[in-house]
């Protein structure tokens, strides 16, 4: 089965030589801090890097939307 373009597996296969995925993950917070914040100053409660990190974690855990859905009922 081919890997879809949005799969994390595809992006992890492009890790630079000599760099483990764990070392790559440690660089994630630093990379997220470099993202410019387009939000207006008024109403900001959390740093953008924290919001983005939570989003990355949710996507890795399998989230596909902003709406929380309960797990399927067990029979």
Protein backbone atom coordinates (compact mmCIF):
# COMPACT_ATOMS: atom_id res chain seq x y z
CA UNK A 1 0.00 0.00 0.00
CA UNK A 2 1.54 3.35 -0.99
CA UNK A 3 2.02 5.99 1.68
CA UNK A 4 -0.20 9.05 1.37
CA UNK A 5 1.55 12.45 1.09
CA UNK A 6 0.18 13.52 4.49
CA UNK A 7 1.63 10.50 6.26
CA UNK A 8 4.38 11.18 8.78
CA UNK A 9 6.15 8.04 7.64
CA UNK A 10 6.91 9.62 4.28
CA UNK A 11 8.47 12.69 5.91
CA UNK A 12 10.51 10.62 8.35
CA UNK A 13 12.06 8.72 5.48
CA UNK A 14 13.64 12.01 4.38
CA UNK A 15 15.63 12.47 7.62
CA UNK A 16 19.15 13.74 6.84
CA UNK A 17 21.88 11.10 7.06
CA UNK A 18 23.36 10.68 10.52
CA UNK A 19 20.35 12.22 12.28
CA UNK A 20 18.00 9.98 14.24
CA UNK A 21 14.28 10.70 14.44
CA UNK A 22 14.69 11.34 18.17
CA UNK A 23 17.33 14.00 17.45
CA UNK A 24 15.04 15.43 14.79
CA UNK A 25 12.12 15.58 17.28
CA UNK A 26 14.23 17.57 19.75
CA UNK A 27 14.53 20.27 17.09
CA UNK A 28 10.75 20.60 16.73
CA UNK A 29 10.24 23.16 19.55
CA UNK A 30 13.02 25.35 18.16
CA UNK A 31 11.53 25.15 14.66
CA UNK A 32 8.04 26.03 15.96
CA UNK A 33 9.42 29.09 17.78
CA UNK A 34 10.67 30.47 14.45
CA UNK A 35 7.16 30.46 12.92
CA UNK A 36 5.92 34.08 12.68
CA UNK A 37 2.74 34.73 14.67
CA UNK A 38 0.05 36.27 12.43
CA UNK A 39 -2.39 36.79 15.31
CA UNK A 40 -3.33 40.21 16.67
CA UNK A 41 -1.79 40.96 20.07
CA UNK A 42 -5.21 41.36 21.68
CA UNK A 43 -6.60 38.10 23.01
CA UNK A 44 -3.45 35.98 22.76
CA UNK A 45 -3.28 33.70 25.78
CA UNK A 46 -0.74 31.10 24.65
CA UNK A 47 2.49 31.29 22.71
CA UNK A 48 2.07 30.21 19.10
CA UNK A 49 4.81 27.58 19.46
CA UNK A 50 2.81 25.89 22.25
CA UNK A 51 -0.38 25.91 20.17
CA UNK A 52 1.49 24.46 17.19
CA UNK A 53 3.16 21.79 19.34
CA UNK A 54 -0.24 20.70 20.69
CA UNK A 55 -1.54 20.58 17.11
CA UNK A 56 1.38 18.43 15.97
CA UNK A 57 0.80 16.03 18.88
CA UNK A 58 -2.91 15.79 18.05
CA UNK A 59 -2.21 15.01 14.39
CA UNK A 60 0.39 12.38 15.30
CA UNK A 61 -2.19 10.83 17.64
CA UNK A 62 -4.67 10.57 14.77
CA UNK A 63 -6.87 13.66 15.02
CA UNK A 64 -8.51 14.67 11.76
CA UNK A 65 -10.67 17.60 12.87
CA UNK A 66 -11.07 20.21 15.59
CA UNK A 67 -14.14 18.46 16.96
CA UNK A 68 -13.51 15.84 19.61
CA UNK A 69 -15.39 12.66 18.88
CA UNK A 70 -15.92 9.90 21.39
CA UNK A 71 -14.35 6.53 20.70
CA UNK A 72 -16.64 3.88 19.21
CA UNK A 73 -18.75 1.99 21.73
CA UNK A 74 -17.54 -1.48 22.65
CA UNK A 75 -19.97 -4.32 22.31
